[in-house]
Protein backbone atom coordinates (compact mmCIF):
# COMPACT_ATOMS: atom_id res chain seq x y z
CA UNK A 1 82.57 77.27 83.73
CA UNK A 2 85.33 78.14 85.94
CA UNK A 3 84.68 79.08 89.70
CA UNK A 4 86.70 81.83 91.01
CA UNK A 5 87.28 82.78 94.85
CA UNK A 6 89.00 85.63 96.24
CA UNK A 7 89.46 85.97 100.02
CA UNK A 8 90.40 89.50 101.14
CA UNK A 9 91.73 89.25 104.67
CA UNK A 10 91.81 92.71 106.26
CA UNK A 11 92.27 93.97 109.77
CA UNK A 12 88.68 94.51 110.48
CA UNK A 13 87.03 91.84 108.44
CA UNK A 14 87.56 88.96 105.98
CA UNK A 15 85.54 89.21 102.74
CA UNK A 16 85.11 86.20 100.03
CA UNK A 17 83.61 86.80 96.66
CA UNK A 18 82.68 83.84 94.36
CA UNK A 19 82.43 84.37 90.71
CA UNK A 20 81.97 82.12 87.72
CA UNK A 21 83.54 82.60 84.38
CA UNK A 22 82.26 80.86 81.39
CA UNK A 23 84.05 79.73 77.97
CA UNK A 24 83.03 83.10 76.31
CA UNK A 25 84.95 85.27 78.87
CA UNK A 26 81.50 86.37 80.84
CA UNK A 27 82.27 87.03 84.44
CA UNK A 28 79.21 86.78 87.07
CA UNK A 29 79.82 87.25 90.66
CA UNK A 30 77.35 84.85 92.38
CA UNK A 31 77.87 85.20 95.89
CA UNK A 32 79.93 86.74 98.92
CA UNK A 33 80.39 86.34 102.59
CA UNK A 34 81.88 88.63 105.21
CA UNK A 35 83.06 87.86 108.79
CA UNK A 36 84.60 90.43 111.38
CA UNK A 37 88.13 89.59 112.10
CA UNK A 38 90.32 90.52 115.06
CA UNK A 39 93.37 88.42 114.04
CA UNK A 40 95.19 91.03 112.22
CA UNK A 41 96.76 94.66 113.53
CA UNK A 42 97.93 97.18 110.93
CA UNK A 43 97.94 94.19 108.53
CA UNK A 44 100.08 91.70 110.47
CA UNK A 45 98.86 88.59 111.92
CA UNK A 46 98.56 88.63 115.54
CA UNK A 47 96.03 85.79 116.28
CA UNK A 48 95.99 83.28 113.85
CA UNK A 49 93.19 81.12 115.45
CA UNK A 50 90.68 84.23 115.15
CA UNK A 51 91.83 84.52 111.47
CA UNK A 52 91.12 81.00 110.80
CA UNK A 53 87.75 81.33 112.23
CA UNK A 54 86.85 84.58 110.23
CA UNK A 55 88.07 82.89 106.89
CA UNK A 56 85.96 79.77 107.57
CA UNK A 57 82.89 81.71 108.28
CA UNK A 58 83.26 84.20 105.47
CA UNK A 59 83.99 81.33 102.91
CA UNK A 60 81.21 79.32 104.60
CA UNK A 61 78.78 81.95 104.03
CA UNK A 62 79.82 82.62 100.45
CA UNK A 63 79.72 79.00 99.69
CA UNK A 64 76.08 78.58 101.06
CA UNK A 65 74.74 81.23 98.79
CA UNK A 66 76.71 79.85 96.00
CA UNK A 67 75.44 76.17 96.62
CA UNK A 68 78.73 74.51 96.34
CA UNK A 69 82.19 74.46 97.81
CA UNK A 70 85.12 76.08 96.32
CA UNK A 71 88.42 75.13 95.33
CA UNK A 72 91.71 77.10 95.57
CA UNK A 73 91.45 80.67 96.38
CA UNK A 74 93.10 84.23 95.44
CA UNK A 75 94.51 86.14 98.52
CA UNK A 76 94.82 90.11 98.71
CA UNK A 77 97.73 91.22 100.98
CA UNK A 78 98.09 94.56 102.63
CA UNK A 79 100.75 94.70 105.58
CA UNK A 80 103.70 96.72 106.39
CA UNK A 81 105.65 93.73 105.42
CA UNK A 82 105.28 94.48 101.75
CA UNK A 83 107.75 96.52 100.23
CA UNK A 84 108.30 97.95 96.39
CA UNK A 85 111.23 99.41 94.31
CA UNK A 86 112.42 99.86 91.09
CA UNK A 87 114.60 97.17 89.23
CA UNK A 88 116.33 97.23 85.79
CA UNK A 89 117.23 94.05 83.76
CA UNK A 90 119.65 93.79 80.85
CA UNK A 91 119.62 90.91 78.15
CA UNK A 92 121.75 90.46 75.15
CA UNK A 93 119.17 89.55 72.20
CA UNK A 94 119.50 85.83 71.56
CA UNK A 95 118.16 85.27 68.05
CA UNK A 96 120.66 84.99 65.20
CA UNK A 97 118.59 87.42 63.34
CA UNK A 98 118.92 89.77 66.03
CA UNK A 99 115.10 89.83 66.62
CA UNK A 100 113.42 90.09 69.97
CA UNK A 101 111.35 87.50 70.87
CA UNK A 102 108.80 86.46 73.69
CA UNK A 103 111.79 84.41 75.16
CA UNK A 104 114.09 87.55 75.24
CA UNK A 105 111.29 89.28 76.88
CA UNK A 106 110.76 86.61 79.65
CA UNK A 107 114.59 86.57 80.21
CA UNK A 108 115.31 90.42 80.57
CA UNK A 109 112.26 90.41 83.24
CA UNK A 110 113.80 87.35 85.22
CA UNK A 111 117.31 89.63 84.85
CA UNK A 112 115.28 92.21 86.91
CA UNK A 113 114.33 89.70 89.50
CA UNK A 114 118.14 89.53 90.34
CA UNK A 115 117.65 93.00 92.21
CA UNK A 116 119.00 92.97 95.75
CA UNK A 117 115.92 91.34 97.50
CA UNK A 118 116.86 90.31 100.99
CA UNK A 119 116.84 86.47 101.64
CA UNK A 120 114.04 86.59 103.96
CA UNK A 121 111.72 88.29 101.27
CA UNK A 122 110.00 86.87 98.16
CA UNK A 123 108.77 88.68 95.07
CA UNK A 124 105.18 88.84 94.52
CA UNK A 125 104.89 90.72 91.52
CA UNK A 126 107.26 92.16 88.83
CA UNK A 127 105.68 94.90 86.48
CA UNK A 128 107.33 95.90 83.37
CA UNK A 129 107.05 99.55 82.66
CA UNK A 130 108.83 99.93 79.45
CA UNK A 131 111.72 98.18 77.34
CA UNK A 132 114.61 99.80 75.71
CA UNK A 133 116.35 98.36 72.70
CA UNK A 134 119.61 99.39 71.80
CA UNK A 135 119.07 102.72 73.54
CA UNK A 136 115.72 103.53 72.14
CA UNK A 137 113.47 103.90 75.11
CA UNK A 138 109.68 103.87 75.89
CA UNK A 139 108.81 100.78 73.88
CA UNK A 140 105.93 98.88 75.41
CA UNK A 141 106.16 95.71 73.34
CA UNK A 142 109.65 94.92 71.72
CA UNK A 143 108.60 91.63 70.31
CA UNK A 144 109.58 91.84 66.74
CA UNK A 145 112.09 94.69 66.83
CA UNK A 146 115.89 93.97 65.74
CA UNK A 147 118.75 94.82 68.08
CA UNK A 148 121.26 93.71 70.37
CA UNK A 149 120.71 94.82 73.74
CA UNK A 150 117.35 94.68 75.58
CA UNK A 151 116.63 96.43 78.74
CA UNK A 152 113.49 96.73 80.90
CA UNK A 153 112.59 99.20 83.82
CA UNK A 154 110.09 97.35 86.17
CA UNK A 155 108.39 97.87 89.31
CA UNK A 156 108.94 95.08 91.97
CA UNK A 157 106.61 94.26 94.84
CA UNK A 158 108.17 91.74 97.45
CA UNK A 159 106.98 90.66 100.87
CA UNK A 160 108.36 89.02 103.98
CA UNK A 161 108.56 85.25 103.72
CA UNK A 162 107.63 84.42 107.22
CA UNK A 163 104.41 86.67 106.59
CA UNK A 164 103.48 84.90 103.35
CA UNK A 165 103.84 81.53 104.99
CA UNK A 166 101.67 82.34 108.17
CA UNK A 167 98.99 83.85 105.60
CA UNK A 168 99.10 80.59 103.83
CA UNK A 169 99.11 78.44 107.05
CA UNK A 170 96.03 80.19 108.23
CA UNK A 171 94.18 79.74 104.77
CA UNK A 172 95.08 75.98 105.02
CA UNK A 173 93.86 75.43 108.47
CA UNK A 174 90.72 77.09 107.24
CA UNK A 175 90.60 74.09 104.91
CA UNK A 176 91.62 75.90 101.64
CA UNK A 177 94.43 76.13 99.33
CA UNK A 178 96.09 79.39 97.65
CA UNK A 179 96.10 79.41 93.83
CA UNK A 180 99.78 79.31 92.29
CA UNK A 181 100.88 82.90 92.24
CA UNK A 182 97.45 83.59 93.97
CA UNK A 183 98.69 86.16 96.54
CA UNK A 184 98.18 89.47 95.18
CA UNK A 185 99.11 92.98 96.60
CA UNK A 186 95.80 94.87 97.65
CA UNK A 187 97.05 98.10 95.85
CA UNK A 188 97.09 96.03 92.39
CA UNK A 189 93.86 94.04 93.21
CA UNK A 190 91.80 97.53 94.06
CA UNK A 191 93.12 99.45 91.24
CA UNK A 192 91.46 96.63 89.03
CA UNK A 193 88.17 97.43 90.42
CA UNK A 194 88.13 101.31 90.90
CA UNK A 195 90.32 102.82 88.38
CA UNK A 196 89.52 103.67 84.75
CA UNK A 197 92.00 103.14 82.08
CA UNK A 198 92.28 106.64 81.40
CA UNK A 199 93.20 107.42 84.86
CA UNK A 200 95.83 104.76 84.75
CA UNK A 201 97.42 106.43 81.65
CA UNK A 202 97.06 109.86 82.72
CA UNK A 203 98.85 109.73 86.38
CA UNK A 204 96.90 108.85 89.29
CA UNK A 205 97.59 107.93 93.05
CA UNK A 206 95.04 105.23 94.16
CA UNK A 207 94.63 105.61 97.95
CA UNK A 208 93.01 102.28 99.47
CA UNK A 209 92.31 103.42 103.24
CA UNK A 210 91.24 100.32 105.26
CA UNK A 211 90.85 99.63 109.10
CA UNK A 212 94.70 98.91 109.80
CA UNK A 213 96.67 100.01 106.60
CA UNK A 214 96.55 102.54 103.87
CA UNK A 215 97.45 101.00 100.60
CA UNK A 216 99.09 103.52 97.83
CA UNK A 217 99.53 102.81 94.13
CA UNK A 218 100.62 105.47 91.43
CA UNK A 219 99.81 104.48 87.91
CA UNK A 220 101.33 106.34 84.99
CA UNK A 221 101.17 105.51 81.31
CA UNK A 222 99.15 102.63 82.12
CA UNK A 223 101.08 100.82 84.60
CA UNK A 224 102.01 100.99 88.14
CA UNK A 225 105.18 102.93 88.81
CA UNK A 226 105.25 102.86 92.63
CA UNK A 227 103.37 101.34 95.69
CA UNK A 228 103.56 101.78 99.41
CA UNK A 229 101.81 100.48 102.62
CA UNK A 230 101.20 102.89 105.69
CA UNK A 231 100.30 100.71 109.01
CA UNK A 232 98.13 103.61 110.17
CA UNK A 233 94.38 103.79 109.12
CA UNK A 234 90.88 103.70 110.19
CA UNK A 235 91.24 101.73 113.31
CA UNK A 236 93.61 104.82 114.61
CA UNK A 237 90.77 107.19 114.07
CA UNK A 238 88.88 105.09 116.41
CA UNK A 239 91.49 105.09 119.05
CA UNK A 240 92.11 108.69 118.88
CA UNK A 241 88.44 109.53 119.59
CA UNK A 242 88.39 106.88 122.39
CA UNK A 243 91.43 108.16 124.06
CA UNK A 244 90.46 112.06 123.51
CA UNK A 245 86.78 111.56 124.91
CA UNK A 246 87.54 108.72 127.10
CA UNK A 247 84.91 106.57 125.90
CA UNK A 248 85.02 102.74 124.99
CA UNK A 249 86.42 102.19 121.48
CA UNK A 250 83.10 100.62 120.41
CA UNK A 251 81.23 104.01 121.13
CA UNK A 252 84.25 106.06 119.33
CA UNK A 253 83.36 103.72 116.35
CA UNK A 254 79.95 104.47 116.48
CA UNK A 255 80.41 108.16 116.71
CA UNK A 256 82.70 107.58 113.70
CA UNK A 257 80.31 105.96 111.44
CA UNK A 258 77.18 107.79 112.51
CA UNK A 259 78.41 111.26 113.02
CA UNK A 260 81.96 111.54 111.84
CA UNK A 261 83.26 114.18 109.35
CA UNK A 262 86.86 114.43 107.86
CA UNK A 263 87.27 117.86 109.01
CA UNK A 264 85.41 120.82 110.52
CA UNK A 265 85.55 122.61 107.24
CA UNK A 266 82.90 120.26 106.22
CA UNK A 267 80.67 120.36 109.23
CA UNK A 268 77.85 122.74 108.31
CA UNK A 269 75.85 124.89 110.84
CA UNK A 270 76.38 125.48 114.53
CA UNK A 271 78.21 122.79 116.93
CA UNK A 272 76.05 119.82 117.75
CA UNK A 273 76.43 118.15 121.01
CA UNK A 274 76.13 114.26 120.95
CA UNK A 275 76.51 111.70 123.75
CA UNK A 276 78.36 108.56 124.30
CA UNK A 277 78.52 106.04 127.06
CA UNK A 278 81.49 106.58 129.82
CA UNK A 279 84.33 104.07 130.12
CA UNK A 280 82.45 102.60 133.09
CA UNK A 281 79.29 102.51 131.29
CA UNK A 282 77.40 104.07 134.05
CA UNK A 283 76.92 107.75 132.63
CA UNK A 284 76.71 109.95 129.37
CA UNK A 285 79.84 111.67 128.16
CA UNK A 286 79.12 115.01 125.93
CA UNK A 287 80.89 114.91 122.69
CA UNK A 288 81.04 117.99 120.55
CA UNK A 289 80.48 117.23 116.84
CA UNK A 290 83.21 119.76 115.87
CA UNK A 291 85.87 118.44 118.16
CA UNK A 292 84.96 115.17 116.92
CA UNK A 293 85.82 116.18 113.37
CA UNK A 294 88.93 117.83 114.68
CA UNK A 295 90.18 114.71 116.22
CA UNK A 296 89.54 112.86 112.87
CA UNK A 297 91.07 115.54 110.77
CA UNK A 298 94.43 115.65 113.00
CA UNK A 299 94.85 111.83 112.19
CA UNK A 300 93.80 112.19 108.62
CA UNK A 301 96.20 114.94 108.14
CA UNK A 302 99.16 112.69 109.05
CA UNK A 303 98.04 109.82 106.43
CA UNK A 304 97.68 112.76 103.85
CA UNK A 305 101.35 113.95 104.63
CA UNK A 306 102.44 110.33 104.24
CA UNK A 307 100.77 110.16 100.89
CA UNK A 308 102.35 113.48 99.72
CA UNK A 309 105.77 112.47 100.49
CA UNK A 310 104.97 109.18 98.71
CA UNK A 311 103.77 111.15 95.65
CA UNK A 312 106.80 113.52 95.79
CA UNK A 313 108.99 110.25 95.39
CA UNK A 314 107.23 108.83 92.58
CA UNK A 315 107.45 112.16 91.03
CA UNK A 316 111.26 111.90 91.29
CA UNK A 317 111.12 108.79 89.55
CA UNK A 318 109.73 110.36 86.71
CA UNK A 319 105.96 109.74 87.02
CA UNK A 320 103.35 112.10 86.76
CA UNK A 321 100.30 112.31 89.25
CA UNK A 322 97.12 114.43 88.07
CA UNK A 323 94.47 113.35 90.43
CA UNK A 324 93.59 110.95 93.33
CA UNK A 325 91.31 107.93 93.69
CA UNK A 326 90.30 107.15 97.29
CA UNK A 327 88.69 103.82 98.23
CA UNK A 328 88.51 101.43 101.40
CA UNK A 329 86.19 101.44 104.08
CA UNK A 330 87.74 104.77 105.81
CA UNK A 331 86.85 106.40 102.42
CA UNK A 332 83.18 106.63 103.39
CA UNK A 333 83.93 109.12 105.81
CA UNK A 334 82.12 112.20 104.64
CA UNK A 335 84.46 115.27 103.39
CA UNK A 336 87.69 112.83 102.97
CA UNK A 337 87.99 113.56 99.17
CA UNK A 338 87.57 117.28 100.11
CA UNK A 339 90.41 117.04 102.87
CA UNK A 340 92.40 115.16 100.36
CA UNK A 341 92.19 117.64 97.80
CA UNK A 342 92.67 120.48 100.22
CA UNK A 343 95.99 119.02 101.58
CA UNK A 344 97.44 117.56 98.41
CA UNK A 345 96.15 120.08 95.77
CA UNK A 346 94.87 117.38 93.47
CA UNK A 347 91.42 116.61 92.33
CA UNK A 348 90.02 113.65 94.45
CA UNK A 349 87.24 111.05 94.02
CA UNK A 350 85.84 108.52 96.17
CA UNK A 351 85.88 105.45 94.28
CA UNK A 352 83.55 101.98 94.40
CA UNK A 353 84.05 98.80 92.23
CA UNK A 354 83.13 99.82 88.79
CA UNK A 355 83.82 96.57 87.16
CA UNK A 356 82.76 94.02 86.24
CA UNK A 357 79.17 95.40 84.78
CA UNK A 358 76.13 93.94 86.62
CA UNK A 359 78.21 93.64 89.98
CA UNK A 360 75.59 93.24 92.90
CA UNK A 361 74.58 96.31 94.91
CA UNK A 362 75.95 94.90 98.10
CA UNK A 363 79.36 94.98 96.59
CA UNK A 364 79.14 98.37 94.94
CA UNK A 365 80.96 99.81 98.09
CA UNK A 366 84.74 100.82 98.74
CA UNK A 367 84.96 98.26 101.58
CA UNK A 368 84.98 95.84 98.95
CA UNK A 369 87.45 97.10 96.43
CA UNK A 370 90.12 94.77 96.96
CA UNK A 371 88.04 91.98 96.88
CA UNK A 372 86.40 92.54 93.73
CA UNK A 373 89.82 93.62 92.30
CA UNK A 374 90.94 90.18 93.38
CA UNK A 375 88.18 88.21 91.54
CA UNK A 376 89.24 90.60 88.23
CA UNK A 377 92.69 89.75 88.64
CA UNK A 378 91.75 86.00 88.82
CA UNK A 379 89.31 86.19 85.98
CA UNK A 380 92.03 87.92 83.74
CA UNK A 381 94.76 85.36 84.65
CA UNK A 382 92.40 82.61 83.49
CA UNK A 383 91.29 84.43 80.46
CA UNK A 384 94.15 86.30 79.10
CA UNK A 385 95.54 83.54 77.33
CA UNK A 386 92.29 83.12 75.32
CA UNK A 387 91.77 86.97 75.06
CA UNK A 388 92.06 87.18 71.19
CA UNK A 389 89.25 84.56 70.99
CA UNK A 390 86.64 86.65 73.07
CA UNK A 391 85.77 88.53 69.86
CA UNK A 392 84.23 85.34 68.37
CA UNK A 393 80.60 84.74 67.48
CA UNK A 394 78.51 88.11 67.44
CA UNK A 395 81.02 90.61 68.74
CA UNK A 396 82.22 91.21 72.12
CA UNK A 397 80.10 91.90 74.97
CA UNK A 398 80.65 94.77 77.81
CA UNK A 399 82.49 92.02 80.04
CA UNK A 400 84.48 90.78 77.18
CA UNK A 401 85.59 94.20 76.34
CA UNK A 402 86.61 94.68 80.00
CA UNK A 403 88.44 91.37 80.18
CA UNK A 404 90.25 92.32 76.89
CA UNK A 405 91.23 95.94 78.51
CA UNK A 406 92.30 94.52 81.58
CA UNK A 407 93.78 91.45 80.06
CA UNK A 408 96.52 93.43 78.01
CA UNK A 409 97.58 95.20 81.02
CA UNK A 410 97.73 92.33 83.13
CA UNK A 411 99.32 89.95 80.91
CA UNK A 412 102.12 92.40 80.81
CA UNK A 413 102.21 93.06 84.60
CA UNK A 414 102.59 89.25 85.41
């Protein structure tokens, strides 16, 4: 049995999920811990000590539930310091028979790594989207084909080296280590937990709206082809309400969670007057629920305007987008899927983690999409080398089928 630990460090919280992976590929989530976090702003580290404390608390709670300490962890990343771009690689097929080998594939992907990444950035992921052999394009797996020239189109995700170093330091100060290649973009992690295989093939934009950032990833033909991060999200909704109604942020957050809707269009019936404490805390301030919705809608329109431009950019790159998947903490705001559909003219659904089967109810929420996806990423990284053996002894279980499905994709991605 292998123990897998995921740590999702967000703007509002740190979430830790511990799972066990047995020799047969069965994955079971055994515990989780959550701690509020004020150490990041818009995904950027602003208070390392607070972040370390939050990591210690979340991991400590998860360890207490599991009954044992954990080893190296997988870490999800969402920040304006992440960037993505397309890159191409070219390689001369090296075998004397002219047949493409696994070594050729690795070398052409390495050639794509030579894309112009500034010296202050590191490549996190390089995702092969398709291969070309002697001009024949659209090849998913070129191994075994004959030719002279091998090309690959990839999607590259890079991050600022200083940001990565600081995040590693926070984890280390909390008494933990990050797994080798254990830093994962939140957009990739969340997609593993909430998107179906059909959605990735058909062409889908996934939007993870957290407290500090919006992570967007466009999947088409089974692979990620475009991604981006907007450093404006749920916290800005709260701040807008606090400024507009001149109330404390805590009161604005309460109103947003308890009575907020994403658009006045989604509000039913007559206007309703709510109350909130004033900034001085000595009197009540009247708050119109329709005005509350109007303020929330104004900020969300900015978010969906950015999403629309990112989708247009993806389509200019040849990707097809047919629907939207919305997840993250802010996705729980009533009416947000309706607003996304209205503004982007695409079908939209709110997504919660749907893998692995048997996931505990407390984690089946959009706020845990990234953390659960990170566990799946870790499980597949461990299991993909043995994926062919998962069919042994009585046929595959549902979990084995899931790992096989995701494993093929992730083995090509990473």
